[in-house]
PDB file of all heavy atoms in Angstrom:
ATOM      1  N   ALA A   1      64.728 231.150 115.279  1.00  0.00           N
ATOM      2  CA  ALA A   1      65.759 230.395 114.553  1.00  0.00           C
ATOM      3  C   ALA A   1      65.712 230.640 113.048  1.00  0.00           C
ATOM      4  O   ALA A   1      66.756 230.608 112.371  1.00  0.00           O
ATOM      5  CB  ALA A   1      65.602 228.902 114.832  1.00  0.00           C
ATOM      6  N   CYS A   2      64.517 230.888 112.510  1.00  0.00           N
ATOM      7  CA  CYS A   2      64.373 230.879 111.054  1.00  0.00           C
ATOM      8  C   CYS A   2      65.134 231.999 110.358  1.00  0.00           C
ATOM      9  O   CYS A   2      65.388 231.925 109.156  1.00  0.00           O
ATOM     10  CB  CYS A   2      62.901 230.891 110.664  1.00  0.00           C
ATOM     11  SG  CYS A   2      62.017 232.408 111.100  1.00  0.00           S
ATOM     12  N   ALA A   3      65.500 233.034 111.082  1.00  0.00           N
ATOM     13  CA  ALA A   3      66.293 234.105 110.466  1.00  0.00           C
ATOM     14  C   ALA A   3      67.754 233.728 110.306  1.00  0.00           C
ATOM     15  O   ALA A   3      68.497 234.410 109.595  1.00  0.00           O
ATOM     16  CB  ALA A   3      66.180 235.382 111.304  1.00  0.00           C
ATOM     17  N   HIS A   4      68.174 232.624 110.926  1.00  0.00           N
ATOM     18  CA  HIS A   4      69.589 232.277 110.985  1.00  0.00           C
ATOM     19  C   HIS A   4      69.930 230.981 110.245  1.00  0.00           C
ATOM     20  O   HIS A   4      71.110 230.625 110.160  1.00  0.00           O
ATOM     21  CB  HIS A   4      70.016 232.161 112.450  1.00  0.00           C
ATOM     22  CG  HIS A   4      69.753 233.399 113.242  1.00  0.00           C
ATOM     23  ND1 HIS A   4      70.653 234.441 113.326  1.00  0.00           N
ATOM     24  CD2 HIS A   4      68.664 233.787 113.970  1.00  0.00           C
ATOM     25  CE1 HIS A   4      70.139 235.405 114.078  1.00  0.00           C
ATOM     26  NE2 HIS A   4      68.943 235.032 114.481  1.00  0.00           N
ATOM     27  N   PHE A   5      68.912 230.289 109.702  1.00  0.00           N
ATOM     28  CA  PHE A   5      69.128 229.024 108.983  1.00  0.00           C
ATOM     29  C   PHE A   5      68.210 228.989 107.768  1.00  0.00           C
ATOM     30  O   PHE A   5      67.015 229.256 107.885  1.00  0.00           O
ATOM     31  CB  PHE A   5      68.845 227.829 109.897  1.00  0.00           C
ATOM     32  CG  PHE A   5      69.766 227.748 111.078  1.00  0.00           C
ATOM     33  CD1 PHE A   5      69.455 228.418 112.253  1.00  0.00           C
ATOM     34  CD2 PHE A   5      70.954 227.029 111.007  1.00  0.00           C
ATOM     35  CE1 PHE A   5      70.311 228.365 113.344  1.00  0.00           C
ATOM     36  CE2 PHE A   5      71.812 226.975 112.094  1.00  0.00           C
ATOM     37  CZ  PHE A   5      71.489 227.649 113.262  1.00  0.00           C
ATOM     38  N   GLU A   6      68.770 228.629 106.625  1.00  0.00           N
ATOM     39  CA  GLU A   6      67.977 228.638 105.390  1.00  0.00           C
ATOM     40  C   GLU A   6      67.339 227.301 105.089  1.00  0.00           C
ATOM     41  O   GLU A   6      66.434 227.213 104.249  1.00  0.00           O
ATOM     42  CB  GLU A   6      68.855 229.055 104.212  1.00  0.00           C
ATOM     43  CG  GLU A   6      70.008 228.108 103.927  1.00  0.00           C
ATOM     44  CD  GLU A   6      70.959 228.646 102.880  1.00  0.00           C
ATOM     45  OE1 GLU A   6      71.444 229.781 103.055  1.00  0.00           O
ATOM     46  OE2 GLU A   6      71.205 227.933 101.886  1.00  0.00           O
ATOM     47  N   ASP A   7      67.780 226.229 105.749  1.00  0.00           N
ATOM     48  CA  ASP A   7      67.245 224.884 105.506  1.00  0.00           C
ATOM     49  C   ASP A   7      66.891 224.266 106.852  1.00  0.00           C
ATOM     50  O   ASP A   7      67.765 223.861 107.612  1.00  0.00           O
ATOM     51  CB  ASP A   7      68.279 224.032 104.772  1.00  0.00           C
ATOM     52  CG  ASP A   7      67.742 222.663 104.377  1.00  0.00           C
ATOM     53  OD1 ASP A   7      67.167 221.958 105.233  1.00  0.00           O
ATOM     54  OD2 ASP A   7      67.901 222.280 103.206  1.00  0.00           O
ATOM     55  N   ILE A   8      65.592 224.205 107.151  1.00  0.00           N
ATOM     56  CA  ILE A   8      65.112 223.702 108.438  1.00  0.00           C
ATOM     57  C   ILE A   8      64.333 222.418 108.225  1.00  0.00           C
ATOM     58  O   ILE A   8      63.469 222.344 107.344  1.00  0.00           O
ATOM     59  CB  ILE A   8      64.231 224.747 109.146  1.00  0.00           C
ATOM     60  CG1 ILE A   8      65.054 225.989 109.496  1.00  0.00           C
ATOM     61  CG2 ILE A   8      63.590 224.161 110.406  1.00  0.00           C
ATOM     62  CD1 ILE A   8      64.238 227.126 110.090  1.00  0.00           C
ATOM     63  N   THR A   9      64.659 221.408 109.027  1.00  0.00           N
ATOM     64  CA  THR A   9      63.935 220.143 109.031  1.00  0.00           C
ATOM     65  C   THR A   9      63.147 220.035 110.328  1.00  0.00           C
ATOM     66  O   THR A   9      63.725 220.160 111.409  1.00  0.00           O
ATOM     67  CB  THR A   9      64.906 218.948 108.928  1.00  0.00           C
ATOM     68  OG1 THR A   9      65.651 219.041 107.709  1.00  0.00           O
ATOM     69  CG2 THR A   9      64.145 217.625 108.951  1.00  0.00           C
ATOM     70  N   MET A  10      61.848 219.823 110.221  1.00  0.00           N
ATOM     71  CA  MET A  10      61.038 219.524 111.392  1.00  0.00           C
ATOM     72  C   MET A  10      60.797 218.019 111.441  1.00  0.00           C
ATOM     73  O   MET A  10      60.776 217.351 110.399  1.00  0.00           O
ATOM     74  CB  MET A  10      59.709 220.283 111.344  1.00  0.00           C
ATOM     75  CG  MET A  10      59.874 221.790 111.289  1.00  0.00           C
ATOM     76  SD  MET A  10      58.310 222.716 111.466  1.00  0.00           S
ATOM     77  CE  MET A  10      58.044 222.590 113.247  1.00  0.00           C
ATOM     78  N   THR A  11      60.629 217.469 112.640  1.00  0.00           N
ATOM     79  CA  THR A  11      60.502 216.022 112.782  1.00  0.00           C
ATOM     80  C   THR A  11      59.492 215.687 113.866  1.00  0.00           C
ATOM     81  O   THR A  11      59.300 216.438 114.821  1.00  0.00           O
ATOM     82  CB  THR A  11      61.843 215.365 113.168  1.00  0.00           C
ATOM     83  OG1 THR A  11      62.197 215.777 114.502  1.00  0.00           O
ATOM     84  CG2 THR A  11      62.961 215.742 112.213  1.00  0.00           C
ATOM     85  N   ASP A  12      58.852 214.545 113.718  1.00  0.00           N
ATOM     86  CA  ASP A  12      58.023 214.017 114.792  1.00  0.00           C
ATOM     87  C   ASP A  12      57.746 212.541 114.554  1.00  0.00           C
ATOM     88  O   ASP A  12      57.656 212.079 113.415  1.00  0.00           O
ATOM     89  CB  ASP A  12      56.708 214.770 114.937  1.00  0.00           C
ATOM     90  CG  ASP A  12      56.118 214.574 116.323  1.00  0.00           C
ATOM     91  OD1 ASP A  12      56.605 215.244 117.253  1.00  0.00           O
ATOM     92  OD2 ASP A  12      55.218 213.739 116.489  1.00  0.00           O
ATOM     93  N   PHE A  13      57.606 211.815 115.638  1.00  0.00           N
ATOM     94  CA  PHE A  13      57.264 210.394 115.585  1.00  0.00           C
ATOM     95  C   PHE A  13      55.829 210.178 115.114  1.00  0.00           C
ATOM     96  O   PHE A  13      55.538 209.265 114.339  1.00  0.00           O
ATOM     97  CB  PHE A  13      57.466 209.793 116.975  1.00  0.00           C
ATOM     98  CG  PHE A  13      56.871 208.423 117.153  1.00  0.00           C
ATOM     99  CD1 PHE A  13      57.347 207.340 116.455  1.00  0.00           C
ATOM    100  CD2 PHE A  13      55.835 208.231 118.054  1.00  0.00           C
ATOM    101  CE1 PHE A  13      56.798 206.076 116.624  1.00  0.00           C
ATOM    102  CE2 PHE A  13      55.281 206.971 118.243  1.00  0.00           C
ATOM    103  CZ  PHE A  13      55.761 205.894 117.524  1.00  0.00           C
ATOM    104  N   LEU A  14      54.920 211.020 115.558  1.00  0.00           N
ATOM    105  CA  LEU A  14      53.495 210.816 115.306  1.00  0.00           C
ATOM    106  C   LEU A  14      53.051 211.445 113.987  1.00  0.00           C
ATOM    107  O   LEU A  14      53.290 212.624 113.735  1.00  0.00           O
ATOM    108  CB  LEU A  14      52.661 211.410 116.433  1.00  0.00           C
ATOM    109  CG  LEU A  14      52.646 210.656 117.760  1.00  0.00           C
ATOM    110  CD1 LEU A  14      51.814 211.419 118.771  1.00  0.00           C
ATOM    111  CD2 LEU A  14      52.131 209.239 117.591  1.00  0.00           C
ATOM    112  N   GLU A  15      52.343 210.667 113.197  1.00  0.00           N
ATOM    113  CA  GLU A  15      51.789 211.187 111.951  1.00  0.00           C
ATOM    114  C   GLU A  15      50.790 212.320 112.223  1.00  0.00           C
ATOM    115  O   GLU A  15      50.747 213.306 111.488  1.00  0.00           O
ATOM    116  CB  GLU A  15      51.103 210.078 111.165  1.00  0.00           C
ATOM    117  CG  GLU A  15      50.537 210.548 109.839  1.00  0.00           C
ATOM    118  CD  GLU A  15      49.838 209.451 109.070  1.00  0.00           C
ATOM    119  OE1 GLU A  15      49.788 208.313 109.572  1.00  0.00           O
ATOM    120  OE2 GLU A  15      49.334 209.744 107.969  1.00  0.00           O
ATOM    121  N   VAL A  16      50.003 212.206 113.312  1.00  0.00           N
ATOM    122  CA  VAL A  16      49.017 213.261 113.583  1.00  0.00           C
ATOM    123  C   VAL A  16      49.699 214.593 113.878  1.00  0.00           C
ATOM    124  O   VAL A  16      49.166 215.656 113.533  1.00  0.00           O
ATOM    125  CB  VAL A  16      48.078 212.863 114.746  1.00  0.00           C
ATOM    126  CG1 VAL A  16      47.152 211.740 114.340  1.00  0.00           C
ATOM    127  CG2 VAL A  16      48.859 212.515 116.005  1.00  0.00           C
ATOM    128  N   ASN A  17      50.861 214.559 114.480  1.00  0.00           N
ATOM    129  CA  ASN A  17      51.592 215.808 114.712  1.00  0.00           C
ATOM    130  C   ASN A  17      52.173 216.353 113.416  1.00  0.00           C
ATOM    131  O   ASN A  17      52.165 217.572 113.184  1.00  0.00           O
ATOM    132  CB  ASN A  17      52.692 215.587 115.739  1.00  0.00           C
ATOM    133  CG  ASN A  17      52.171 215.563 117.164  1.00  0.00           C
ATOM    134  OD1 ASN A  17      51.076 216.032 117.442  1.00  0.00           O
ATOM    135  ND2 ASN A  17      52.951 214.999 118.076  1.00  0.00           N
ATOM    136  N   ARG A  18      52.674 215.471 112.572  1.00  0.00           N
ATOM    137  CA  ARG A  18      53.195 215.929 111.283  1.00  0.00           C
ATOM    138  C   ARG A  18      52.069 216.508 110.425  1.00  0.00           C
ATOM    139  O   ARG A  18      52.270 217.480 109.686  1.00  0.00           O
ATOM    140  CB  ARG A  18      53.910 214.783 110.565  1.00  0.00           C
ATOM    141  CG  ARG A  18      55.093 214.223 111.362  1.00  0.00           C
ATOM    142  CD  ARG A  18      56.022 213.358 110.517  1.00  0.00           C
ATOM    143  NE  ARG A  18      55.360 212.240 109.880  1.00  0.00           N
ATOM    144  CZ  ARG A  18      55.172 211.037 110.443  1.00  0.00           C
ATOM    145  NH1 ARG A  18      55.588 210.822 111.694  1.00  0.00           N
ATOM    146  NH2 ARG A  18      54.599 210.071 109.776  1.00  0.00           N
ATOM    147  N   GLN A  19      50.893 215.939 110.527  1.00  0.00           N
ATOM    148  CA  GLN A  19      49.741 216.485 109.810  1.00  0.00           C
ATOM    149  C   GLN A  19      49.384 217.872 110.343  1.00  0.00           C
ATOM    150  O   GLN A  19      49.065 218.784 109.566  1.00  0.00           O
ATOM    151  CB  GLN A  19      48.545 215.543 109.940  1.00  0.00           C
ATOM    152  CG  GLN A  19      48.699 214.252 109.159  1.00  0.00           C
ATOM    153  CD  GLN A  19      47.580 213.267 109.442  1.00  0.00           C
ATOM    154  OE1 GLN A  19      46.936 213.320 110.490  1.00  0.00           O
ATOM    155  NE2 GLN A  19      47.350 212.365 108.512  1.00  0.00           N
ATOM    156  N   GLU A  20      49.432 218.022 111.661  1.00  0.00           N
ATOM    157  CA  GLU A  20      49.127 219.320 112.267  1.00  0.00           C
ATOM    158  C   GLU A  20      50.117 220.376 111.800  1.00  0.00           C
ATOM    159  O   GLU A  20      49.738 221.516 111.482  1.00  0.00           O
ATOM    160  CB  GLU A  20      49.148 219.203 113.793  1.00  0.00           C
ATOM    161  CG  GLU A  20      48.671 220.422 114.537  1.00  0.00           C
ATOM    162  CD  GLU A  20      47.181 220.695 114.365  1.00  0.00           C
ATOM    163  OE1 GLU A  20      46.389 219.737 114.413  1.00  0.00           O
ATOM    164  OE2 GLU A  20      46.813 221.873 114.188  1.00  0.00           O
ATOM    165  N   LEU A  21      51.395 220.027 111.758  1.00  0.00           N
ATOM    166  CA  LEU A  21      52.398 220.960 111.242  1.00  0.00           C
ATOM    167  C   LEU A  21      52.121 221.314 109.790  1.00  0.00           C
ATOM    168  O   LEU A  21      52.254 222.475 109.386  1.00  0.00           O
ATOM    169  CB  LEU A  21      53.789 220.342 111.371  1.00  0.00           C
ATOM    170  CG  LEU A  21      54.322 220.107 112.787  1.00  0.00           C
ATOM    171  CD1 LEU A  21      55.641 219.350 112.734  1.00  0.00           C
ATOM    172  CD2 LEU A  21      54.479 221.416 113.547  1.00  0.00           C
ATOM    173  N   GLY A  22      51.728 220.319 109.009  1.00  0.00           N
ATOM    174  CA  GLY A  22      51.445 220.561 107.603  1.00  0.00           C
ATOM    175  C   GLY A  22      50.326 221.559 107.382  1.00  0.00           C
ATOM    176  O   GLY A  22      50.371 222.380 106.451  1.00  0.00           O
ATOM    177  N   LEU A  23      49.308 221.516 108.227  1.00  0.00           N
ATOM    178  CA  LEU A  23      48.212 222.485 108.114  1.00  0.00           C
ATOM    179  C   LEU A  23      48.730 223.915 108.242  1.00  0.00           C
ATOM    180  O   LEU A  23      48.350 224.802 107.463  1.00  0.00           O
ATOM    181  CB  LEU A  23      47.160 222.220 109.192  1.00  0.00           C
ATOM    182  CG  LEU A  23      46.331 220.946 109.093  1.00  0.00           C
ATOM    183  CD1 LEU A  23      45.393 220.833 110.289  1.00  0.00           C
ATOM    184  CD2 LEU A  23      45.541 220.913 107.786  1.00  0.00           C
ATOM    185  N   TRP A  24      49.604 224.138 109.227  1.00  0.00           N
ATOM    186  CA  TRP A  24      50.126 225.487 109.423  1.00  0.00           C
ATOM    187  C   TRP A  24      51.091 225.875 108.306  1.00  0.00           C
ATOM    188  O   TRP A  24      51.039 226.999 107.787  1.00  0.00           O
ATOM    189  CB  TRP A  24      50.820 225.603 110.776  1.00  0.00           C
ATOM    190  CG  TRP A  24      51.227 227.017 111.079  1.00  0.00           C
ATOM    191  CD1 TRP A  24      50.470 227.991 111.663  1.00  0.00           C
ATOM    192  CD2 TRP A  24      52.495 227.620 110.781  1.00  0.00           C
ATOM    193  NE1 TRP A  24      51.171 229.167 111.744  1.00  0.00           N
ATOM    194  CE2 TRP A  24      52.416 228.972 111.220  1.00  0.00           C
ATOM    195  CE3 TRP A  24      53.674 227.155 110.206  1.00  0.00           C
ATOM    196  CZ2 TRP A  24      53.494 229.849 111.074  1.00  0.00           C
ATOM    197  CZ3 TRP A  24      54.746 228.039 110.065  1.00  0.00           C
ATOM    198  CH2 TRP A  24      54.650 229.360 110.499  1.00  0.00           C
ATOM    199  N   LEU A  25      51.945 224.961 107.921  1.00  0.00           N
ATOM    200  CA  LEU A  25      52.936 225.274 106.891  1.00  0.00           C
ATOM    201  C   LEU A  25      52.276 225.598 105.560  1.00  0.00           C
ATOM    202  O   LEU A  25      52.771 226.430 104.796  1.00  0.00           O
ATOM    203  CB  LEU A  25      53.908 224.104 106.731  1.00  0.00           C
ATOM    204  CG  LEU A  25      54.870 223.880 107.900  1.00  0.00           C
ATOM    205  CD1 LEU A  25      55.538 222.521 107.794  1.00  0.00           C
ATOM    206  CD2 LEU A  25      55.913 224.988 107.964  1.00  0.00           C
ATOM    207  N   ARG A  26      51.148 224.964 105.280  1.00  0.00           N
ATOM    208  CA  ARG A  26      50.433 225.205 104.020  1.00  0.00           C
ATOM    209  C   ARG A  26      49.363 226.288 104.156  1.00  0.00           C
ATOM    210  O   ARG A  26      48.627 226.548 103.203  1.00  0.00           O
ATOM    211  CB  ARG A  26      49.807 223.902 103.522  1.00  0.00           C
ATOM    212  CG  ARG A  26      50.822 222.820 103.184  1.00  0.00           C
ATOM    213  CD  ARG A  26      50.139 221.625 102.519  1.00  0.00           C
ATOM    214  NE  ARG A  26      49.139 221.020 103.408  1.00  0.00           N
ATOM    215  CZ  ARG A  26      49.396 220.049 104.276  1.00  0.00           C
ATOM    216  NH1 ARG A  26      50.640 219.581 104.392  1.00  0.00           N
ATOM    217  NH2 ARG A  26      48.441 219.553 105.032  1.00  0.00           N
ATOM    218  N   GLU A  27      49.239 226.880 105.357  1.00  0.00           N
ATOM    219  CA  GLU A  27      48.246 227.923 105.629  1.00  0.00           C
ATOM    220  C   GLU A  27      46.831 227.450 105.312  1.00  0.00           C
ATOM    221  O   GLU A  27      46.025 228.173 104.725  1.00  0.00           O
ATOM    222  CB  GLU A  27      48.564 229.196 104.843  1.00  0.00           C
ATOM    223  CG  GLU A  27      49.919 229.812 105.190  1.00  0.00           C
ATOM    224  CD  GLU A  27      50.155 231.128 104.483  1.00  0.00           C
ATOM    225  OE1 GLU A  27      49.575 232.149 104.898  1.00  0.00           O
ATOM    226  OE2 GLU A  27      50.925 231.126 103.510  1.00  0.00           O
ATOM    227  N   GLU A  28      46.535 226.243 105.724  1.00  0.00           N
ATOM    228  CA  GLU A  28      45.224 225.676 105.444  1.00  0.00           C
ATOM    229  C   GLU A  28      44.207 226.079 106.503  1.00  0.00           C
ATOM    230  O   GLU A  28      44.560 226.363 107.658  1.00  0.00           O
ATOM    231  CB  GLU A  28      45.325 224.149 105.360  1.00  0.00           C
ATOM    232  CG  GLU A  28      46.113 223.658 104.165  1.00  0.00           C
ATOM    233  CD  GLU A  28      45.987 222.152 103.965  1.00  0.00           C
ATOM    234  OE1 GLU A  28      45.234 221.513 104.731  1.00  0.00           O
ATOM    235  OE2 GLU A  28      46.636 221.630 103.049  1.00  0.00           O
ATOM    236  N   PRO A  29      42.927 226.127 106.132  1.00  0.00           N
ATOM    237  CA  PRO A  29      41.874 226.425 107.119  1.00  0.00           C
ATOM    238  C   PRO A  29      41.915 225.413 108.256  1.00  0.00           C
ATOM    239  O   PRO A  29      42.138 224.223 108.036  1.00  0.00           O
ATOM    240  CB  PRO A  29      40.583 226.297 106.303  1.00  0.00           C
ATOM    241  CG  PRO A  29      40.995 226.501 104.875  1.00  0.00           C
ATOM    242  CD  PRO A  29      42.381 225.937 104.769  1.00  0.00           C
ATOM    243  N   GLY A  30      41.716 225.901 109.473  1.00  0.00           N
ATOM    244  CA  GLY A  30      41.714 225.013 110.631  1.00  0.00           C
ATOM    245  C   GLY A  30      43.064 224.849 111.286  1.00  0.00           C
ATOM    246  O   GLY A  30      43.167 224.197 112.336  1.00  0.00           O
ATOM    247  N   ALA A  31      44.119 225.416 110.710  1.00  0.00           N
ATOM    248  CA  ALA A  31      45.440 225.335 111.333  1.00  0.00           C
ATOM    249  C   ALA A  31      45.437 226.111 112.645  1.00  0.00           C
ATOM    250  O   ALA A  31      44.732 227.102 112.800  1.00  0.00           O
ATOM    251  CB  ALA A  31      46.506 225.882 110.397  1.00  0.00           C
ATOM    252  N   PHE A  32      46.239 225.665 113.592  1.00  0.00           N
ATOM    253  CA  PHE A  32      46.358 226.374 114.867  1.00  0.00           C
ATOM    254  C   PHE A  32      46.916 227.774 114.612  1.00  0.00           C
ATOM    255  O   PHE A  32      47.816 227.959 113.790  1.00  0.00           O
ATOM    256  CB  PHE A  32      47.268 225.606 115.816  1.00  0.00           C
ATOM    257  CG  PHE A  32      47.285 226.136 117.214  1.00  0.00           C
ATOM    258  CD1 PHE A  32      46.266 225.824 118.104  1.00  0.00           C
ATOM    259  CD2 PHE A  32      48.318 226.954 117.664  1.00  0.00           C
ATOM    260  CE1 PHE A  32      46.265 226.321 119.408  1.00  0.00           C
ATOM    261  CE2 PHE A  32      48.336 227.445 118.962  1.00  0.00           C
ATOM    262  CZ  PHE A  32      47.302 227.124 119.832  1.00  0.00           C
ATOM    263  N   ASP A  33      46.387 228.753 115.305  1.00  0.00           N
ATOM    264  CA  ASP A  33      46.792 230.147 115.118  1.00  0.00           C
ATOM    265  C   ASP A  33      47.970 230.473 116.026  1.00  0.00           C
ATOM    266  O   ASP A  33      47.831 230.591 117.241  1.00  0.00           O
ATOM    267  CB  ASP A  33      45.602 231.066 115.432  1.00  0.00           C
ATOM    268  CG  ASP A  33      45.922 232.538 115.200  1.00  0.00           C
ATOM    269  OD1 ASP A  33      47.024 232.838 114.686  1.00  0.00           O
ATOM    270  OD2 ASP A  33      45.072 233.382 115.542  1.00  0.00           O
ATOM    271  N   TRP A  34      49.151 230.630 115.425  1.00  0.00           N
ATOM    272  CA  TRP A  34      50.363 230.968 116.159  1.00  0.00           C
ATOM    273  C   TRP A  34      50.687 232.455 116.077  1.00  0.00           C
ATOM    274  O   TRP A  34      51.784 232.875 116.479  1.00  0.00           O
ATOM    275  CB  TRP A  34      51.548 230.158 115.639  1.00  0.00           C
ATOM    276  CG  TRP A  34      51.464 228.707 115.970  1.00  0.00           C
ATOM    277  CD1 TRP A  34      51.086 227.685 115.139  1.00  0.00           C
ATOM    278  CD2 TRP A  34      51.761 228.093 117.236  1.00  0.00           C
ATOM    279  NE1 TRP A  34      51.120 226.486 115.810  1.00  0.00           N
ATOM    280  CE2 TRP A  34      51.537 226.698 117.089  1.00  0.00           C
ATOM    281  CE3 TRP A  34      52.197 228.590 118.469  1.00  0.00           C
ATOM    282  CZ2 TRP A  34      51.735 225.804 118.139  1.00  0.00           C
ATOM    283  CZ3 TRP A  34      52.396 227.699 119.514  1.00  0.00           C
ATOM    284  CH2 TRP A  34      52.170 226.324 119.346  1.00  0.00           C
ATOM    285  N   SER A  35      49.766 233.273 115.571  1.00  0.00           N
ATOM    286  CA  SER A  35      50.090 234.674 115.311  1.00  0.00           C
ATOM    287  C   SER A  35      50.450 235.435 116.585  1.00  0.00           C
ATOM    288  O   SER A  35      51.297 236.340 116.556  1.00  0.00           O
ATOM    289  CB  SER A  35      48.933 235.362 114.593  1.00  0.00           C
ATOM    290  OG  SER A  35      47.750 235.352 115.377  1.00  0.00           O
ATOM    291  N   THR A  36      49.828 235.090 117.715  1.00  0.00           N
ATOM    292  CA  THR A  36      50.174 235.759 118.967  1.00  0.00           C
ATOM    293  C   THR A  36      51.632 235.519 119.321  1.00  0.00           C
ATOM    294  O   THR A  36      52.337 236.425 119.786  1.00  0.00           O
ATOM    295  CB  THR A  36      49.266 235.274 120.107  1.00  0.00           C
ATOM    296  OG1 THR A  36      47.909 235.515 119.757  1.00  0.00           O
ATOM    297  CG2 THR A  36      49.585 235.991 121.401  1.00  0.00           C
ATOM    298  N   TYR A  37      52.104 234.295 119.105  1.00  0.00           N
ATOM    299  CA  TYR A  37      53.508 233.968 119.372  1.00  0.00           C
ATOM    300  C   TYR A  37      54.418 234.689 118.387  1.00  0.00           C
ATOM    301  O   TYR A  37      55.470 235.212 118.766  1.00  0.00           O
ATOM    302  CB  TYR A  37      53.711 232.456 119.292  1.00  0.00           C
ATOM    303  CG  TYR A  37      53.200 231.728 120.512  1.00  0.00           C
ATOM    304  CD1 TYR A  37      51.832 231.503 120.692  1.00  0.00           C
ATOM    305  CD2 TYR A  37      54.060 231.287 121.500  1.00  0.00           C
ATOM    306  CE1 TYR A  37      51.346 230.856 121.816  1.00  0.00           C
ATOM    307  CE2 TYR A  37      53.588 230.633 122.633  1.00  0.00           C
ATOM    308  CZ  TYR A  37      52.232 230.430 122.779  1.00  0.00           C
ATOM    309  OH  TYR A  37      51.759 229.792 123.897  1.00  0.00           O
ATOM    310  N   SER A  38      54.025 234.723 117.134  1.00  0.00           N
ATOM    311  CA  SER A  38      54.837 235.406 116.124  1.00  0.00           C
ATOM    312  C   SER A  38      54.945 236.898 116.442  1.00  0.00           C
ATOM    313  O   SER A  38      56.020 237.498 116.316  1.00  0.00           O
ATOM    314  CB  SER A  38      54.218 235.204 114.741  1.00  0.00           C
ATOM    315  OG  SER A  38      54.073 233.824 114.450  1.00  0.00           O
ATOM    316  N   GLN A  39      53.824 237.501 116.854  1.00  0.00           N
ATOM    317  CA  GLN A  39      53.840 238.915 117.220  1.00  0.00           C
ATOM    318  C   GLN A  39      54.756 239.159 118.412  1.00  0.00           C
ATOM    319  O   GLN A  39      55.499 240.153 118.441  1.00  0.00           O
ATOM    320  CB  GLN A  39      52.421 239.372 117.550  1.00  0.00           C
ATOM    321  CG  GLN A  39      51.488 239.410 116.358  1.00  0.00           C
ATOM    322  CD  GLN A  39      50.043 239.646 116.756  1.00  0.00           C
ATOM    323  OE1 GLN A  39      49.759 240.401 117.684  1.00  0.00           O
ATOM    324  NE2 GLN A  39      49.123 238.989 116.072  1.00  0.00           N
TER     325      GLN A  39
END
C-alpha cells in the first residue's frame, strides 16, 4: 500500500500494540524483524 498513498494512519486499541509499532517505525533495537516480509 505504501507506494500508493503518501499519508498513512495506523491505529490500534491497545497501547502495547501501538508501542510495538513505534519500535519498528523508529528502527529501535528489539523491534520485530519484518525484513523477510519486505523482501
